[in-house]
Amino acid sequence: MNKKPAQPHWAKKIRAAIKAADGGPSETDLAEAPVLNYWRPHMSRRGAPILWGMVSGHPRLAGGWITTSQLVAIDANRAWARTASRWYVLGRQFSDYERSIAMGLGVEETPAGFVQIDVPGYRPLDDLSLLDELLGAWRERMVFNDNGEG
């Protein structure tokens, strides 16, 4: 029995998500999308981006802290993200959550990385301009990489 690996299917899914993201979300896409609050981008060692945050309204997952499938596009100013699986509406960033914790502790200025959350295999990336740069490079690799590995 000759089974094909799952990677080609995943690569095809990612390429389709990239194409959808390049067109941007419709009003319907965003109306039906789950909301991701207190989100923070993370990158794998291979440069595959994801989002981590608190989700509500997800069609398959209960509300709570999640990691998304691979991120293919994000527009923080317009409050949306596209992953390999779906659109997300972006709520508050994780840095807002850090500030609220710091204020509760009487800390006036929140130092970078004030709250550390470990997402195994990933490192947090709070610099959104660097995220855009790394995301662009990762997307380019995915478009031309037949095995879909990130």
C-alpha atoms as a PDB file:
ATOM      1  CA  MET A   1       0.000   0.000   0.000  1.00  0.00           C
ATOM      2  CA  ASN A   2       1.505   3.309  -1.115  1.00  0.00           C
ATOM      3  CA  LYS A   3       0.430   6.140   1.171  1.00  0.00           C
ATOM      4  CA  LYS A   4       1.246   9.708   0.223  1.00  0.00           C
ATOM      5  CA  PRO A   5       2.552  11.937   3.023  1.00  0.00           C
ATOM      6  CA  ALA A   6       0.298  14.671   4.406  1.00  0.00           C
ATOM      7  CA  GLN A   7       2.737  17.478   3.543  1.00  0.00           C
ATOM      8  CA  PRO A   8       1.614  17.991  -0.092  1.00  0.00           C
ATOM      9  CA  HIS A   9      -1.989  18.416   1.104  1.00  0.00           C
ATOM     10  CA  TRP A  10      -0.862  20.905   3.758  1.00  0.00           C
ATOM     11  CA  ALA A  11       1.270  22.844   1.246  1.00  0.00           C
ATOM     12  CA  LYS A  12      -1.733  23.067  -1.095  1.00  0.00           C
ATOM     13  CA  LYS A  13      -3.887  24.319   1.797  1.00  0.00           C
ATOM     14  CA  ILE A  14      -1.287  26.954   2.693  1.00  0.00           C
ATOM     15  CA  ARG A  15      -1.008  28.150  -0.907  1.00  0.00           C
ATOM     16  CA  ALA A  16      -4.823  28.443  -1.110  1.00  0.00           C
ATOM     17  CA  ALA A  17      -4.847  30.432   2.155  1.00  0.00           C
ATOM     18  CA  ILE A  18      -2.123  32.751   0.810  1.00  0.00           C
ATOM     19  CA  LYS A  19      -4.186  33.361  -2.321  1.00  0.00           C
ATOM     20  CA  ALA A  20      -7.283  34.123  -0.205  1.00  0.00           C
ATOM     21  CA  ALA A  21      -5.271  36.447   2.049  1.00  0.00           C
ATOM     22  CA  ASP A  22      -3.884  38.343  -0.928  1.00  0.00           C
ATOM     23  CA  GLY A  23      -7.467  39.227  -1.851  1.00  0.00           C
ATOM     24  CA  GLY A  24      -8.237  40.222   1.735  1.00  0.00           C
ATOM     25  CA  PRO A  25     -11.198  39.137   3.839  1.00  0.00           C
ATOM     26  CA  SER A  26     -14.770  39.929   2.881  1.00  0.00           C
ATOM     27  CA  GLU A  27     -17.239  41.340   5.389  1.00  0.00           C
ATOM     28  CA  THR A  28     -18.775  37.860   5.587  1.00  0.00           C
ATOM     29  CA  ASP A  29     -15.358  36.270   6.237  1.00  0.00           C
ATOM     30  CA  LEU A  30     -14.834  38.539   9.226  1.00  0.00           C
ATOM     31  CA  ALA A  31     -18.427  38.268  10.481  1.00  0.00           C
ATOM     32  CA  GLU A  32     -18.042  34.474  10.639  1.00  0.00           C
ATOM     33  CA  ALA A  33     -14.452  34.449  11.943  1.00  0.00           C
ATOM     34  CA  PRO A  34     -13.450  33.593  15.493  1.00  0.00           C
ATOM     35  CA  VAL A  35     -12.015  36.415  17.591  1.00  0.00           C
ATOM     36  CA  LEU A  36      -8.468  36.115  18.914  1.00  0.00           C
ATOM     37  CA  ASN A  37      -7.807  38.281  21.973  1.00  0.00           C
ATOM     38  CA  TYR A  38      -4.507  38.872  23.734  1.00  0.00           C
ATOM     39  CA  TRP A  39      -2.764  37.528  20.654  1.00  0.00           C
ATOM     40  CA  ARG A  40       0.969  37.302  20.172  1.00  0.00           C
ATOM     41  CA  PRO A  41       2.855  36.098  17.092  1.00  0.00           C
ATOM     42  CA  HIS A  42       5.349  33.263  17.523  1.00  0.00           C
ATOM     43  CA  MET A  43       7.907  31.760  15.123  1.00  0.00           C
ATOM     44  CA  SER A  44       9.249  28.228  14.909  1.00  0.00           C
ATOM     45  CA  ARG A  45      12.951  27.548  14.477  1.00  0.00           C
ATOM     46  CA  ARG A  46      12.248  27.001  10.775  1.00  0.00           C
ATOM     47  CA  GLY A  47      10.499  30.347  10.473  1.00  0.00           C
ATOM     48  CA  ALA A  48       6.889  29.120  10.443  1.00  0.00           C
ATOM     49  CA  PRO A  49       4.686  31.810  12.036  1.00  0.00           C
ATOM     50  CA  ILE A  50       1.632  31.166  14.207  1.00  0.00           C
ATOM     51  CA  LEU A  51      -0.552  33.226  16.496  1.00  0.00           C
ATOM     52  CA  TRP A  52      -1.183  32.393  20.116  1.00  0.00           C
ATOM     53  CA  GLY A  53      -4.037  33.910  22.040  1.00  0.00           C
ATOM     54  CA  MET A  54      -7.453  33.541  23.643  1.00  0.00           C
ATOM     55  CA  VAL A  55     -10.086  32.516  21.127  1.00  0.00           C
ATOM     56  CA  SER A  56     -13.854  32.856  21.173  1.00  0.00           C
ATOM     57  CA  GLY A  57     -16.340  31.786  18.542  1.00  0.00           C
ATOM     58  CA  HIS A  58     -14.091  29.130  16.982  1.00  0.00           C
ATOM     59  CA  PRO A  59     -16.097  26.545  15.021  1.00  0.00           C
ATOM     60  CA  ARG A  60     -14.044  23.577  16.251  1.00  0.00           C
ATOM     61  CA  LEU A  61     -12.365  24.638  19.497  1.00  0.00           C
ATOM     62  CA  ALA A  62     -13.767  25.653  22.843  1.00  0.00           C
ATOM     63  CA  GLY A  63     -12.941  29.161  23.954  1.00  0.00           C
ATOM     64  CA  GLY A  64      -9.597  29.621  25.679  1.00  0.00           C
ATOM     65  CA  TRP A  65      -5.897  29.853  24.911  1.00  0.00           C
ATOM     66  CA  ILE A  66      -4.900  28.336  21.568  1.00  0.00           C
ATOM     67  CA  THR A  67      -2.175  28.281  18.978  1.00  0.00           C
ATOM     68  CA  THR A  68      -3.400  28.769  15.427  1.00  0.00           C
ATOM     69  CA  SER A  69      -2.385  26.886  12.347  1.00  0.00           C
ATOM     70  CA  GLN A  70       0.374  28.537  10.341  1.00  0.00           C
ATOM     71  CA  LEU A  71      -0.090  32.259   9.814  1.00  0.00           C
ATOM     72  CA  VAL A  72      -0.086  33.389   6.173  1.00  0.00           C
ATOM     73  CA  ALA A  73      -1.135  37.049   6.496  1.00  0.00           C
ATOM     74  CA  ILE A  74      -1.901  39.630   9.148  1.00  0.00           C
ATOM     75  CA  ASP A  75      -3.137  43.205   9.126  1.00  0.00           C
ATOM     76  CA  ALA A  76      -3.049  44.378  12.724  1.00  0.00           C
ATOM     77  CA  ASN A  77      -4.310  47.843  11.723  1.00  0.00           C
ATOM     78  CA  ARG A  78      -7.433  46.374  10.118  1.00  0.00           C
ATOM     79  CA  ALA A  79      -7.659  43.729  12.894  1.00  0.00           C
ATOM     80  CA  TRP A  80      -7.553  40.513  10.869  1.00  0.00           C
ATOM     81  CA  ALA A  81      -5.284  37.541  10.318  1.00  0.00           C
ATOM     82  CA  ARG A  82      -5.388  34.612   7.928  1.00  0.00           C
ATOM     83  CA  THR A  83      -3.998  31.219   8.877  1.00  0.00           C
ATOM     84  CA  ALA A  84      -3.808  28.053   6.823  1.00  0.00           C
ATOM     85  CA  SER A  85      -7.191  27.081   8.262  1.00  0.00           C
ATOM     86  CA  ARG A  86      -9.261  30.241   8.616  1.00  0.00           C
ATOM     87  CA  TRP A  87      -9.683  33.977   9.094  1.00  0.00           C
ATOM     88  CA  TYR A  88      -9.443  35.517  12.553  1.00  0.00           C
ATOM     89  CA  VAL A  89     -10.620  38.862  13.854  1.00  0.00           C
ATOM     90  CA  LEU A  90      -7.878  40.302  16.026  1.00  0.00           C
ATOM     91  CA  GLY A  91      -8.855  41.738  19.374  1.00  0.00           C
ATOM     92  CA  ARG A  92      -6.409  43.161  21.894  1.00  0.00           C
ATOM     93  CA  GLN A  93      -2.719  42.315  21.645  1.00  0.00           C
ATOM     94  CA  PHE A  94      -0.912  40.398  24.366  1.00  0.00           C
ATOM     95  CA  SER A  95       1.028  43.553  25.260  1.00  0.00           C
ATOM     96  CA  ASP A  96      -2.295  45.010  26.501  1.00  0.00           C
ATOM     97  CA  TYR A  97      -2.661  42.006  28.813  1.00  0.00           C
ATOM     98  CA  GLU A  98       0.915  42.495  30.053  1.00  0.00           C
ATOM     99  CA  ARG A  99       0.190  46.148  30.815  1.00  0.00           C
ATOM    100  CA  SER A 100      -2.940  45.274  32.785  1.00  0.00           C
ATOM    101  CA  ILE A 101      -0.996  42.748  34.884  1.00  0.00           C
ATOM    102  CA  ALA A 102       1.802  45.254  35.470  1.00  0.00           C
ATOM    103  CA  MET A 103      -0.676  47.944  36.531  1.00  0.00           C
ATOM    104  CA  GLY A 104      -2.300  45.490  38.952  1.00  0.00           C
ATOM    105  CA  LEU A 105       1.122  44.924  40.485  1.00  0.00           C
ATOM    106  CA  GLY A 106       1.850  48.644  40.701  1.00  0.00           C
ATOM    107  CA  VAL A 107       4.471  48.606  37.922  1.00  0.00           C
ATOM    108  CA  GLU A 108       4.225  51.883  36.002  1.00  0.00           C
ATOM    109  CA  GLU A 109       6.170  50.935  32.874  1.00  0.00           C
ATOM    110  CA  THR A 110       5.861  47.463  31.428  1.00  0.00           C
ATOM    111  CA  PRO A 111       9.261  46.075  30.410  1.00  0.00           C
ATOM    112  CA  ALA A 112       9.398  43.985  27.218  1.00  0.00           C
ATOM    113  CA  GLY A 113       8.663  40.350  28.000  1.00  0.00           C
ATOM    114  CA  PHE A 114       7.182  41.209  31.393  1.00  0.00           C
ATOM    115  CA  VAL A 115       4.952  38.128  31.167  1.00  0.00           C
ATOM    116  CA  GLN A 116       6.632  35.001  29.794  1.00  0.00           C
ATOM    117  CA  ILE A 117       4.462  32.300  28.251  1.00  0.00           C
ATOM    118  CA  ASP A 118       6.163  29.216  26.838  1.00  0.00           C
ATOM    119  CA  VAL A 119       4.816  27.865  23.556  1.00  0.00           C
ATOM    120  CA  PRO A 120       7.000  24.772  22.995  1.00  0.00           C
ATOM    121  CA  GLY A 121       8.913  24.911  19.716  1.00  0.00           C
ATOM    122  CA  TYR A 122       8.178  28.622  19.170  1.00  0.00           C
ATOM    123  CA  ARG A 123       9.560  31.943  20.311  1.00  0.00           C
ATOM    124  CA  PRO A 124       7.459  35.088  20.807  1.00  0.00           C
ATOM    125  CA  LEU A 125       7.820  37.872  18.272  1.00  0.00           C
ATOM    126  CA  ASP A 126       6.364  41.189  19.405  1.00  0.00           C
ATOM    127  CA  ASP A 127       7.938  43.341  16.667  1.00  0.00           C
ATOM    128  CA  LEU A 128       5.170  43.476  14.031  1.00  0.00           C
ATOM    129  CA  SER A 129       7.424  45.032  11.375  1.00  0.00           C
ATOM    130  CA  LEU A 130       9.874  42.144  11.815  1.00  0.00           C
ATOM    131  CA  LEU A 131       6.906  39.757  11.700  1.00  0.00           C
ATOM    132  CA  ASP A 132       5.894  41.231   8.329  1.00  0.00           C
ATOM    133  CA  GLU A 133       9.415  40.720   6.998  1.00  0.00           C
ATOM    134  CA  LEU A 134       9.704  37.143   8.278  1.00  0.00           C
ATOM    135  CA  LEU A 135       6.163  36.318   7.185  1.00  0.00           C
ATOM    136  CA  GLY A 136       6.947  37.527   3.661  1.00  0.00           C
ATOM    137  CA  ALA A 137      10.037  35.312   3.473  1.00  0.00           C
ATOM    138  CA  TRP A 138       8.119  32.328   4.858  1.00  0.00           C
ATOM    139  CA  ARG A 139       5.253  32.842   2.387  1.00  0.00           C
ATOM    140  CA  GLU A 140       7.694  32.950  -0.498  1.00  0.00           C
ATOM    141  CA  ARG A 141       9.212  29.649   0.622  1.00  0.00           C
ATOM    142  CA  MET A 142       5.761  28.072   0.934  1.00  0.00           C
ATOM    143  CA  VAL A 143       4.685  29.121  -2.553  1.00  0.00           C
ATOM    144  CA  PHE A 144       7.731  27.408  -4.071  1.00  0.00           C
ATOM    145  CA  ASN A 145       8.209  24.546  -1.594  1.00  0.00           C
ATOM    146  CA  ASP A 146       6.376  21.432  -2.716  1.00  0.00           C
ATOM    147  CA  ASN A 147       6.582  19.598   0.574  1.00  0.00           C
ATOM    148  CA  GLY A 148       4.992  22.354   2.663  1.00  0.00           C
ATOM    149  CA  GLU A 149       7.445  22.138   5.520  1.00  0.00           C
ATOM    150  CA  GLY A 150       7.835  25.305   7.514  1.00  0.00           C
END
